[in-house]
All heavy atoms as atom14 arrays in JSON, in Angstrom:
{
  "sequence": "LDACQLNAKEEFHGKSLMPSLSDTNHVVRDGLMTQHYGLHKHVIQRAY",
  "atom14_mask": [
    [1, 1, 1, 1, 1, 1, 1, 1, 0, 0, 0, 0, 0, 0],
    [1, 1, 1, 1, 1, 1, 1, 1, 0, 0, 0, 0, 0, 0],
    [1, 1, 1, 1, 1, 0, 0, 0, 0, 0, 0, 0, 0, 0],
    [1, 1, 1, 1, 1, 1, 0, 0, 0, 0, 0, 0, 0, 0],
    [1, 1, 1, 1, 1, 1, 1, 1, 1, 0, 0, 0, 0, 0],
    [1, 1, 1, 1, 1, 1, 1, 1, 0, 0, 0, 0, 0, 0],
    [1, 1, 1, 1, 1, 1, 1, 1, 0, 0, 0, 0, 0, 0],
    [1, 1, 1, 1, 1, 0, 0, 0, 0, 0, 0, 0, 0, 0],
    [1, 1, 1, 1, 1, 1, 1, 1, 1, 0, 0, 0, 0, 0],
    [1, 1, 1, 1, 1, 1, 1, 1, 1, 0, 0, 0, 0, 0],
    [1, 1, 1, 1, 1, 1, 1, 1, 1, 0, 0, 0, 0, 0],
    [1, 1, 1, 1, 1, 1, 1, 1, 1, 1, 1, 0, 0, 0],
    [1, 1, 1, 1, 1, 1, 1, 1, 1, 1, 0, 0, 0, 0],
    [1, 1, 1, 1, 0, 0, 0, 0, 0, 0, 0, 0, 0, 0],
    [1, 1, 1, 1, 1, 1, 1, 1, 1, 0, 0, 0, 0, 0],
    [1, 1, 1, 1, 1, 1, 0, 0, 0, 0, 0, 0, 0, 0],
    [1, 1, 1, 1, 1, 1, 1, 1, 0, 0, 0, 0, 0, 0],
    [1, 1, 1, 1, 1, 1, 1, 1, 0, 0, 0, 0, 0, 0],
    [1, 1, 1, 1, 1, 1, 1, 0, 0, 0, 0, 0, 0, 0],
    [1, 1, 1, 1, 1, 1, 0, 0, 0, 0, 0, 0, 0, 0],
    [1, 1, 1, 1, 1, 1, 1, 1, 0, 0, 0, 0, 0, 0],
    [1, 1, 1, 1, 1, 1, 0, 0, 0, 0, 0, 0, 0, 0],
    [1, 1, 1, 1, 1, 1, 1, 1, 0, 0, 0, 0, 0, 0],
    [1, 1, 1, 1, 1, 1, 1, 0, 0, 0, 0, 0, 0, 0],
    [1, 1, 1, 1, 1, 1, 1, 1, 0, 0, 0, 0, 0, 0],
    [1, 1, 1, 1, 1, 1, 1, 1, 1, 1, 0, 0, 0, 0],
    [1, 1, 1, 1, 1, 1, 1, 0, 0, 0, 0, 0, 0, 0],
    [1, 1, 1, 1, 1, 1, 1, 0, 0, 0, 0, 0, 0, 0],
    [1, 1, 1, 1, 1, 1, 1, 1, 1, 1, 1, 0, 0, 0],
    [1, 1, 1, 1, 1, 1, 1, 1, 0, 0, 0, 0, 0, 0],
    [1, 1, 1, 1, 0, 0, 0, 0, 0, 0, 0, 0, 0, 0],
    [1, 1, 1, 1, 1, 1, 1, 1, 0, 0, 0, 0, 0, 0],
    [1, 1, 1, 1, 1, 1, 1, 1, 0, 0, 0, 0, 0, 0],
    [1, 1, 1, 1, 1, 1, 1, 0, 0, 0, 0, 0, 0, 0],
    [1, 1, 1, 1, 1, 1, 1, 1, 1, 0, 0, 0, 0, 0],
    [1, 1, 1, 1, 1, 1, 1, 1, 1, 1, 0, 0, 0, 0],
    [1, 1, 1, 1, 1, 1, 1, 1, 1, 1, 1, 1, 0, 0],
    [1, 1, 1, 1, 0, 0, 0, 0, 0, 0, 0, 0, 0, 0],
    [1, 1, 1, 1, 1, 1, 1, 1, 0, 0, 0, 0, 0, 0],
    [1, 1, 1, 1, 1, 1, 1, 1, 1, 1, 0, 0, 0, 0],
    [1, 1, 1, 1, 1, 1, 1, 1, 1, 0, 0, 0, 0, 0],
    [1, 1, 1, 1, 1, 1, 1, 1, 1, 1, 0, 0, 0, 0],
    [1, 1, 1, 1, 1, 1, 1, 0, 0, 0, 0, 0, 0, 0],
    [1, 1, 1, 1, 1, 1, 1, 1, 0, 0, 0, 0, 0, 0],
    [1, 1, 1, 1, 1, 1, 1, 1, 1, 0, 0, 0, 0, 0],
    [1, 1, 1, 1, 1, 1, 1, 1, 1, 1, 1, 0, 0, 0],
    [1, 1, 1, 1, 1, 0, 0, 0, 0, 0, 0, 0, 0, 0],
    [1, 1, 1, 1, 1, 1, 1, 1, 1, 1, 1, 1, 0, 0]
  ],
  "atom14_positions": [
    [[248.03, 259.02, 263.49], [248.68, 257.8, 263.02], [249.94, 257.52, 263.82], [250.24, 256.36, 264.15], [249.0, 257.9, 261.53], [247.79, 257.81, 260.59], [248.18, 258.16, 259.17], [247.18, 256.42, 260.64], [0.0, 0.0, 0.0], [0.0, 0.0, 0.0], [0.0, 0.0, 0.0], [0.0, 0.0, 0.0], [0.0, 0.0, 0.0], [0.0, 0.0, 0.0]],
    [[250.67, 258.57, 264.13], [251.86, 258.44, 264.97], [251.47, 257.92, 266.35], [252.11, 257.01, 266.91], [252.54, 259.8, 265.07], [253.94, 259.72, 265.68], [254.41, 258.6, 265.97], [254.57, 260.79, 265.85], [0.0, 0.0, 0.0], [0.0, 0.0, 0.0], [0.0, 0.0, 0.0], [0.0, 0.0, 0.0], [0.0, 0.0, 0.0], [0.0, 0.0, 0.0]],
    [[250.4, 258.47, 266.92], [249.96, 258.05, 268.26], [249.58, 256.57, 268.28], [249.8, 255.88, 269.28], [248.77, 258.9, 268.7], [0.0, 0.0, 0.0], [0.0, 0.0, 0.0], [0.0, 0.0, 0.0], [0.0, 0.0, 0.0], [0.0, 0.0, 0.0], [0.0, 0.0, 0.0], [0.0, 0.0, 0.0], [0.0, 0.0, 0.0], [0.0, 0.0, 0.0]],
    [[248.99, 256.11, 267.2], [248.54, 254.71, 267.13], [249.57, 253.79, 266.49], [249.29, 252.6, 266.28], [247.22, 254.63, 266.36], [245.87, 255.5, 267.16], [0.0, 0.0, 0.0], [0.0, 0.0, 0.0], [0.0, 0.0, 0.0], [0.0, 0.0, 0.0], [0.0, 0.0, 0.0], [0.0, 0.0, 0.0], [0.0, 0.0, 0.0], [0.0, 0.0, 0.0]],
    [[250.74, 254.36, 266.16], [251.84, 253.6, 265.56], [251.4, 252.87, 264.3], [251.71, 251.68, 264.08], [252.43, 252.62, 266.59], [252.98, 253.33, 267.82], [253.58, 252.37, 268.84], [253.12, 251.25, 269.0], [254.62, 252.82, 269.54], [0.0, 0.0, 0.0], [0.0, 0.0, 0.0], [0.0, 0.0, 0.0], [0.0, 0.0, 0.0], [0.0, 0.0, 0.0]],
    [[250.68, 253.6, 263.45], [250.24, 253.07, 262.17], [251.0, 253.76, 261.04], [251.3, 254.95, 261.12], [248.74, 253.28, 261.98], [247.83, 252.55, 262.96], [246.37, 252.89, 262.67], [248.04, 251.04, 262.9], [0.0, 0.0, 0.0], [0.0, 0.0, 0.0], [0.0, 0.0, 0.0], [0.0, 0.0, 0.0], [0.0, 0.0, 0.0], [0.0, 0.0, 0.0]],
    [[251.26, 253.02, 259.99], [252.01, 253.54, 258.85], [251.03, 254.07, 257.81], [250.18, 253.32, 257.32], [252.88, 252.44, 258.24], [253.78, 252.97, 257.13], [253.77, 254.16, 256.82], [254.54, 252.08, 256.52], [0.0, 0.0, 0.0], [0.0, 0.0, 0.0], [0.0, 0.0, 0.0], [0.0, 0.0, 0.0], [0.0, 0.0, 0.0], [0.0, 0.0, 0.0]],
    [[251.16, 255.33, 257.45], [250.23, 255.93, 256.49], [250.52, 255.49, 255.06], [249.63, 255.44, 254.23], [250.3, 257.44, 256.58], [0.0, 0.0, 0.0], [0.0, 0.0, 0.0], [0.0, 0.0, 0.0], [0.0, 0.0, 0.0], [0.0, 0.0, 0.0], [0.0, 0.0, 0.0], [0.0, 0.0, 0.0], [0.0, 0.0, 0.0], [0.0, 0.0, 0.0]],
    [[251.77, 255.22, 254.76], [252.21, 254.94, 253.4], [251.89, 256.11, 252.47], [251.68, 255.94, 251.28], [251.56, 253.65, 252.87], [251.91, 252.4, 253.67], [251.22, 251.16, 253.11], [251.55, 249.94, 253.96], [250.83, 248.72, 253.49], [0.0, 0.0, 0.0], [0.0, 0.0, 0.0], [0.0, 0.0, 0.0], [0.0, 0.0, 0.0], [0.0, 0.0, 0.0]],
    [[251.82, 257.28, 253.04], [251.52, 258.49, 252.29], [252.47, 259.59, 252.74], [252.97, 259.58, 253.86], [250.07, 258.95, 252.54], [249.01, 258.02, 252.03], [248.93, 257.98, 250.52], [249.07, 259.05, 249.9], [248.72, 256.89, 249.97], [0.0, 0.0, 0.0], [0.0, 0.0, 0.0], [0.0, 0.0, 0.0], [0.0, 0.0, 0.0], [0.0, 0.0, 0.0]],
    [[252.7, 260.56, 251.85], [253.49, 261.73, 252.2], [252.53, 262.84, 252.61], [251.65, 263.24, 251.83], [254.34, 262.17, 251.01], [255.46, 261.2, 250.66], [256.52, 261.1, 251.75], [256.77, 262.14, 252.41], [257.06, 260.01, 251.94], [0.0, 0.0, 0.0], [0.0, 0.0, 0.0], [0.0, 0.0, 0.0], [0.0, 0.0, 0.0], [0.0, 0.0, 0.0]],
    [[252.68, 263.34, 253.83], [251.83, 264.4, 254.33], [252.52, 265.75, 254.21], [253.74, 265.86, 254.32], [251.5, 264.18, 255.81], [250.63, 262.98, 256.09], [250.95, 262.11, 257.13], [249.51, 262.73, 255.33], [250.15, 261.02, 257.4], [248.7, 261.64, 255.59], [249.02, 260.78, 256.63], [0.0, 0.0, 0.0], [0.0, 0.0, 0.0], [0.0, 0.0, 0.0]],
    [[251.73, 266.8, 254.04], [252.22, 268.15, 254.23], [252.16, 268.51, 255.72], [252.92, 269.35, 256.19], [251.38, 269.16, 253.43], [251.52, 269.01, 251.95], [250.49, 269.23, 251.06], [252.59, 268.65, 251.19], [250.9, 269.04, 249.83], [252.17, 268.68, 249.88], [0.0, 0.0, 0.0], [0.0, 0.0, 0.0], [0.0, 0.0, 0.0], [0.0, 0.0, 0.0]],
    [[251.24, 267.9, 256.44], [251.13, 268.12, 257.87], [252.23, 267.41, 258.64], [252.88, 266.49, 258.13], [0.0, 0.0, 0.0], [0.0, 0.0, 0.0], [0.0, 0.0, 0.0], [0.0, 0.0, 0.0], [0.0, 0.0, 0.0], [0.0, 0.0, 0.0], [0.0, 0.0, 0.0], [0.0, 0.0, 0.0], [0.0, 0.0, 0.0], [0.0, 0.0, 0.0]],
    [[252.43, 267.83, 259.88], [253.48, 267.28, 260.73], [252.85, 266.56, 261.93], [251.79, 266.97, 262.42], [254.39, 268.39, 261.27], [254.92, 269.34, 260.22], [255.99, 268.72, 259.36], [256.62, 269.75, 258.43], [257.64, 269.15, 257.54], [0.0, 0.0, 0.0], [0.0, 0.0, 0.0], [0.0, 0.0, 0.0], [0.0, 0.0, 0.0], [0.0, 0.0, 0.0]],
    [[253.5, 265.53, 262.42], [253.04, 264.9, 263.65], [253.31, 265.81, 264.84], [254.41, 266.34, 265.01], [253.75, 263.56, 263.88], [253.4, 263.04, 265.16], [0.0, 0.0, 0.0], [0.0, 0.0, 0.0], [0.0, 0.0, 0.0], [0.0, 0.0, 0.0], [0.0, 0.0, 0.0], [0.0, 0.0, 0.0], [0.0, 0.0, 0.0], [0.0, 0.0, 0.0]],
    [[252.29, 265.99, 265.67], [252.43, 266.82, 266.86], [252.78, 266.0, 268.09], [252.87, 266.56, 269.19], [251.12, 267.58, 267.11], [250.61, 268.45, 265.96], [249.31, 269.15, 266.35], [251.66, 269.46, 265.53], [0.0, 0.0, 0.0], [0.0, 0.0, 0.0], [0.0, 0.0, 0.0], [0.0, 0.0, 0.0], [0.0, 0.0, 0.0], [0.0, 0.0, 0.0]],
    [[252.97, 264.7, 267.94], [253.23, 263.85, 269.1], [254.43, 264.31, 269.93], [254.34, 264.35, 271.17], [253.4, 262.39, 268.66], [252.1, 261.68, 268.33], [250.91, 261.69, 269.7], [251.8, 260.71, 270.93], [0.0, 0.0, 0.0], [0.0, 0.0, 0.0], [0.0, 0.0, 0.0], [0.0, 0.0, 0.0], [0.0, 0.0, 0.0], [0.0, 0.0, 0.0]],
    [[255.57, 264.66, 269.33], [256.69, 265.1, 270.16], [256.37, 266.32, 271.02], [256.83, 266.43, 272.16], [257.8, 265.42, 269.14], [257.45, 264.6, 267.95], [255.95, 264.58, 267.91], [0.0, 0.0, 0.0], [0.0, 0.0, 0.0], [0.0, 0.0, 0.0], [0.0, 0.0, 0.0], [0.0, 0.0, 0.0], [0.0, 0.0, 0.0], [0.0, 0.0, 0.0]],
    [[255.55, 267.24, 270.49], [255.25, 268.46, 271.24], [254.12, 268.26, 272.25], [253.82, 269.17, 273.02], [254.89, 269.6, 270.28], [253.8, 269.25, 269.47], [0.0, 0.0, 0.0], [0.0, 0.0, 0.0], [0.0, 0.0, 0.0], [0.0, 0.0, 0.0], [0.0, 0.0, 0.0], [0.0, 0.0, 0.0], [0.0, 0.0, 0.0], [0.0, 0.0, 0.0]],
    [[253.5, 267.09, 272.27], [252.47, 266.82, 273.28], [253.07, 266.45, 274.63], [252.4, 266.52, 275.65], [251.55, 265.69, 272.8], [250.61, 266.05, 271.65], [249.88, 264.82, 271.16], [249.63, 267.14, 272.06], [0.0, 0.0, 0.0], [0.0, 0.0, 0.0], [0.0, 0.0, 0.0], [0.0, 0.0, 0.0], [0.0, 0.0, 0.0], [0.0, 0.0, 0.0]],
    [[254.34, 266.08, 274.61], [255.03, 265.8, 275.87], [256.17, 266.78, 276.13], [256.69, 266.84, 277.25], [255.58, 264.37, 275.87], [256.42, 264.15, 274.75], [0.0, 0.0, 0.0], [0.0, 0.0, 0.0], [0.0, 0.0, 0.0], [0.0, 0.0, 0.0], [0.0, 0.0, 0.0], [0.0, 0.0, 0.0], [0.0, 0.0, 0.0], [0.0, 0.0, 0.0]],
    [[256.56, 267.55, 275.11], [257.65, 268.5, 275.24], [257.24, 269.82, 274.59], [257.26, 269.95, 273.36], [258.92, 267.95, 274.57], [260.09, 268.9, 274.64], [259.98, 269.95, 275.32], [261.13, 268.62, 274.0], [0.0, 0.0, 0.0], [0.0, 0.0, 0.0], [0.0, 0.0, 0.0], [0.0, 0.0, 0.0], [0.0, 0.0, 0.0], [0.0, 0.0, 0.0]],
    [[256.85, 270.79, 275.39], [256.37, 272.06, 274.83], [257.49, 272.85, 274.17], [257.22, 273.81, 273.44], [255.74, 272.93, 275.94], [256.69, 273.12, 276.99], [254.49, 272.27, 276.5], [0.0, 0.0, 0.0], [0.0, 0.0, 0.0], [0.0, 0.0, 0.0], [0.0, 0.0, 0.0], [0.0, 0.0, 0.0], [0.0, 0.0, 0.0], [0.0, 0.0, 0.0]],
    [[258.74, 272.46, 274.37], [259.86, 273.14, 273.73], [260.17, 272.58, 272.34], [260.98, 273.15, 271.61], [261.12, 273.04, 274.6], [260.98, 273.81, 275.89], [260.46, 274.93, 275.91], [261.43, 273.21, 276.99], [0.0, 0.0, 0.0], [0.0, 0.0, 0.0], [0.0, 0.0, 0.0], [0.0, 0.0, 0.0], [0.0, 0.0, 0.0], [0.0, 0.0, 0.0]],
    [[259.54, 271.48, 271.99], [259.76, 270.89, 270.67], [259.2, 271.81, 269.59], [258.07, 272.29, 269.69], [259.08, 269.52, 270.58], [259.21, 268.9, 269.22], [258.24, 269.01, 268.26], [260.2, 268.15, 268.68], [258.61, 268.36, 267.17], [259.8, 267.83, 267.4], [0.0, 0.0, 0.0], [0.0, 0.0, 0.0], [0.0, 0.0, 0.0], [0.0, 0.0, 0.0]],
    [[260.0, 272.09, 268.55], [259.59, 272.98, 267.47], [259.01, 272.16, 266.32], [259.7, 271.32, 265.74], [260.77, 273.84, 266.97], [260.34, 274.73, 265.81], [261.32, 274.7, 268.11], [0.0, 0.0, 0.0], [0.0, 0.0, 0.0], [0.0, 0.0, 0.0], [0.0, 0.0, 0.0], [0.0, 0.0, 0.0], [0.0, 0.0, 0.0], [0.0, 0.0, 0.0]],
    [[257.75, 272.39, 266.0], [257.09, 271.65, 264.92], [257.54, 272.15, 263.56], [257.85, 271.38, 262.66], [255.56, 271.76, 265.06], [254.85, 271.1, 263.87], [255.09, 271.15, 266.37], [0.0, 0.0, 0.0], [0.0, 0.0, 0.0], [0.0, 0.0, 0.0], [0.0, 0.0, 0.0], [0.0, 0.0, 0.0], [0.0, 0.0, 0.0], [0.0, 0.0, 0.0]],
    [[257.59, 273.47, 263.39], [258.01, 274.08, 262.12], [258.43, 275.52, 262.39], [258.01, 276.13, 263.37], [256.87, 274.05, 261.09], [255.57, 274.63, 261.61], [254.53, 274.8, 260.51], [254.11, 273.59, 259.86], [253.17, 272.76, 260.31], [252.55, 273.02, 261.46], [252.8, 271.69, 259.65], [0.0, 0.0, 0.0], [0.0, 0.0, 0.0], [0.0, 0.0, 0.0]],
    [[259.25, 276.06, 261.49], [259.7, 277.45, 261.63], [258.7, 278.43, 261.05], [258.64, 279.59, 261.46], [261.05, 277.64, 260.93], [262.16, 276.85, 261.62], [262.12, 276.73, 262.86], [263.04, 276.34, 260.91], [0.0, 0.0, 0.0], [0.0, 0.0, 0.0], [0.0, 0.0, 0.0], [0.0, 0.0, 0.0], [0.0, 0.0, 0.0], [0.0, 0.0, 0.0]],
    [[257.94, 277.99, 260.06], [256.95, 278.86, 259.43], [255.8, 278.03, 258.92], [255.96, 276.84, 258.6], [0.0, 0.0, 0.0], [0.0, 0.0, 0.0], [0.0, 0.0, 0.0], [0.0, 0.0, 0.0], [0.0, 0.0, 0.0], [0.0, 0.0, 0.0], [0.0, 0.0, 0.0], [0.0, 0.0, 0.0], [0.0, 0.0, 0.0], [0.0, 0.0, 0.0]],
    [[254.62, 278.64, 258.83], [253.42, 277.93, 258.42], [252.73, 278.66, 257.27], [252.44, 279.86, 257.38], [252.44, 277.82, 259.59], [251.03, 277.3, 259.27], [251.07, 275.85, 258.81], [250.11, 277.47, 260.47], [0.0, 0.0, 0.0], [0.0, 0.0, 0.0], [0.0, 0.0, 0.0], [0.0, 0.0, 0.0], [0.0, 0.0, 0.0], [0.0, 0.0, 0.0]],
    [[252.47, 277.95, 256.17], [251.7, 278.5, 255.06], [250.24, 278.08, 255.19], [249.95, 276.93, 255.52], [252.25, 278.0, 253.72], [251.43, 278.48, 252.52], [252.05, 277.91, 250.93], [251.52, 276.18, 250.91], [0.0, 0.0, 0.0], [0.0, 0.0, 0.0], [0.0, 0.0, 0.0], [0.0, 0.0, 0.0], [0.0, 0.0, 0.0], [0.0, 0.0, 0.0]],
    [[249.33, 279.0, 254.92], [247.91, 278.68, 254.79], [247.42, 279.25, 253.46], [248.1, 280.07, 252.83], [247.08, 279.26, 255.95], [247.28, 280.67, 256.02], [247.5, 278.62, 257.27], [0.0, 0.0, 0.0], [0.0, 0.0, 0.0], [0.0, 0.0, 0.0], [0.0, 0.0, 0.0], [0.0, 0.0, 0.0], [0.0, 0.0, 0.0], [0.0, 0.0, 0.0]],
    [[246.25, 278.79, 253.03], [245.8, 279.09, 251.67], [244.38, 279.65, 251.64], [243.61, 279.48, 252.58], [245.84, 277.81, 250.82], [247.2, 277.16, 250.74], [247.19, 275.93, 249.83], [246.19, 275.22, 249.7], [248.33, 275.66, 249.21], [0.0, 0.0, 0.0], [0.0, 0.0, 0.0], [0.0, 0.0, 0.0], [0.0, 0.0, 0.0], [0.0, 0.0, 0.0]],
    [[244.06, 280.31, 250.52], [242.69, 280.72, 250.25], [242.54, 280.91, 248.74], [243.48, 281.38, 248.08], [242.35, 282.04, 250.96], [240.92, 282.16, 251.37], [239.88, 281.66, 250.61], [240.33, 282.74, 252.46], [238.72, 281.92, 251.23], [238.97, 282.56, 252.35], [0.0, 0.0, 0.0], [0.0, 0.0, 0.0], [0.0, 0.0, 0.0], [0.0, 0.0, 0.0]],
    [[241.41, 280.52, 248.21], [241.09, 280.74, 246.8], [239.87, 281.65, 246.64], [239.41, 281.88, 245.53], [240.83, 279.4, 246.1], [242.07, 278.54, 245.99], [242.5, 277.77, 247.08], [242.84, 278.52, 244.84], [243.64, 276.98, 247.0], [243.99, 277.73, 244.75], [244.38, 276.97, 245.83], [245.51, 276.2, 245.75], [0.0, 0.0, 0.0], [0.0, 0.0, 0.0]],
    [[239.36, 282.15, 247.77], [238.19, 283.01, 247.75], [236.92, 282.23, 248.04], [236.89, 280.99, 247.98], [0.0, 0.0, 0.0], [0.0, 0.0, 0.0], [0.0, 0.0, 0.0], [0.0, 0.0, 0.0], [0.0, 0.0, 0.0], [0.0, 0.0, 0.0], [0.0, 0.0, 0.0], [0.0, 0.0, 0.0], [0.0, 0.0, 0.0], [0.0, 0.0, 0.0]],
    [[235.88, 282.97, 248.37], [234.55, 282.39, 248.58], [233.57, 283.2, 247.76], [233.41, 284.4, 248.0], [234.16, 282.42, 250.06], [232.78, 281.84, 250.38], [232.76, 280.34, 250.11], [232.4, 282.1, 251.83], [0.0, 0.0, 0.0], [0.0, 0.0, 0.0], [0.0, 0.0, 0.0], [0.0, 0.0, 0.0], [0.0, 0.0, 0.0], [0.0, 0.0, 0.0]],
    [[232.93, 282.57, 246.79], [232.03, 283.24, 245.85], [232.81, 284.11, 244.86], [232.58, 284.03, 243.65], [230.95, 284.05, 246.56], [230.14, 283.25, 247.54], [229.45, 282.11, 247.18], [229.92, 283.41, 248.86], [228.85, 281.61, 248.23], [229.12, 282.37, 249.27], [0.0, 0.0, 0.0], [0.0, 0.0, 0.0], [0.0, 0.0, 0.0], [0.0, 0.0, 0.0]],
    [[233.72, 284.94, 245.36], [234.59, 285.73, 244.49], [235.98, 285.11, 244.48], [236.55, 284.81, 245.53], [234.66, 287.18, 244.98], [235.56, 288.06, 244.12], [235.57, 289.5, 244.6], [236.46, 290.34, 243.7], [236.45, 291.78, 244.1], [0.0, 0.0, 0.0], [0.0, 0.0, 0.0], [0.0, 0.0, 0.0], [0.0, 0.0, 0.0], [0.0, 0.0, 0.0]],
    [[236.53, 284.9, 243.28], [237.8, 284.2, 243.13], [238.97, 285.16, 243.41], [239.28, 286.04, 242.62], [237.91, 283.66, 241.7], [239.02, 282.68, 241.49], [239.5, 281.86, 242.48], [239.75, 282.39, 240.38], [240.46, 281.1, 242.0], [240.64, 281.4, 240.73], [0.0, 0.0, 0.0], [0.0, 0.0, 0.0], [0.0, 0.0, 0.0], [0.0, 0.0, 0.0]],
    [[239.6, 284.99, 244.58], [240.78, 285.77, 244.95], [241.78, 284.79, 245.55], [241.6, 284.3, 246.66], [240.45, 286.87, 245.99], [241.72, 287.67, 246.3], [239.36, 287.78, 245.49], [0.0, 0.0, 0.0], [0.0, 0.0, 0.0], [0.0, 0.0, 0.0], [0.0, 0.0, 0.0], [0.0, 0.0, 0.0], [0.0, 0.0, 0.0], [0.0, 0.0, 0.0]],
    [[242.83, 284.48, 244.81], [243.86, 283.55, 245.3], [244.73, 284.29, 246.31], [245.24, 285.39, 246.04], [244.71, 283.01, 244.14], [243.83, 282.25, 243.14], [245.81, 282.09, 244.68], [244.57, 281.8, 241.9], [0.0, 0.0, 0.0], [0.0, 0.0, 0.0], [0.0, 0.0, 0.0], [0.0, 0.0, 0.0], [0.0, 0.0, 0.0], [0.0, 0.0, 0.0]],
    [[244.93, 283.68, 247.48], [245.75, 284.28, 248.54], [246.59, 283.2, 249.22], [246.2, 282.03, 249.26], [244.87, 284.94, 249.6], [243.95, 286.03, 249.09], [242.86, 286.36, 250.1], [243.09, 287.14, 251.01], [241.7, 285.76, 249.95], [0.0, 0.0, 0.0], [0.0, 0.0, 0.0], [0.0, 0.0, 0.0], [0.0, 0.0, 0.0], [0.0, 0.0, 0.0]],
    [[247.71, 283.63, 249.75], [248.52, 282.78, 250.61], [248.94, 283.59, 251.84], [249.22, 284.78, 251.73], [249.79, 282.27, 249.9], [249.53, 281.35, 248.72], [248.92, 280.04, 249.15], [248.71, 279.13, 248.04], [247.6, 279.04, 247.32], [246.58, 279.85, 247.6], [247.48, 278.18, 246.33], [0.0, 0.0, 0.0], [0.0, 0.0, 0.0], [0.0, 0.0, 0.0]],
    [[248.94, 282.93, 252.98], [249.45, 283.57, 254.2], [250.64, 282.77, 254.71], [250.72, 281.54, 254.49], [248.36, 283.63, 255.27], [0.0, 0.0, 0.0], [0.0, 0.0, 0.0], [0.0, 0.0, 0.0], [0.0, 0.0, 0.0], [0.0, 0.0, 0.0], [0.0, 0.0, 0.0], [0.0, 0.0, 0.0], [0.0, 0.0, 0.0], [0.0, 0.0, 0.0]],
    [[251.54, 283.46, 255.37], [252.72, 282.8, 255.93], [252.96, 283.36, 257.33], [253.06, 284.57, 257.53], [253.95, 283.04, 255.05], [255.16, 282.26, 255.5], [255.24, 280.88, 255.28], [256.23, 282.89, 256.13], [256.35, 280.15, 255.67], [257.35, 282.16, 256.53], [257.39, 280.79, 256.31], [258.49, 280.06, 256.72], [0.0, 0.0, 0.0], [0.0, 0.0, 0.0]]
  ]
}
């Protein structure tokens, strides 16, 4: 959406990567959370 200059009118948890596509020194985030609730067996997990 950033690349196409369109307004989402939504709040994202994700970040635009456009600045880092031209500047590899640009920092997108200091830490990243990922999630899991299990597959077939219910085990809630979080990774950071």
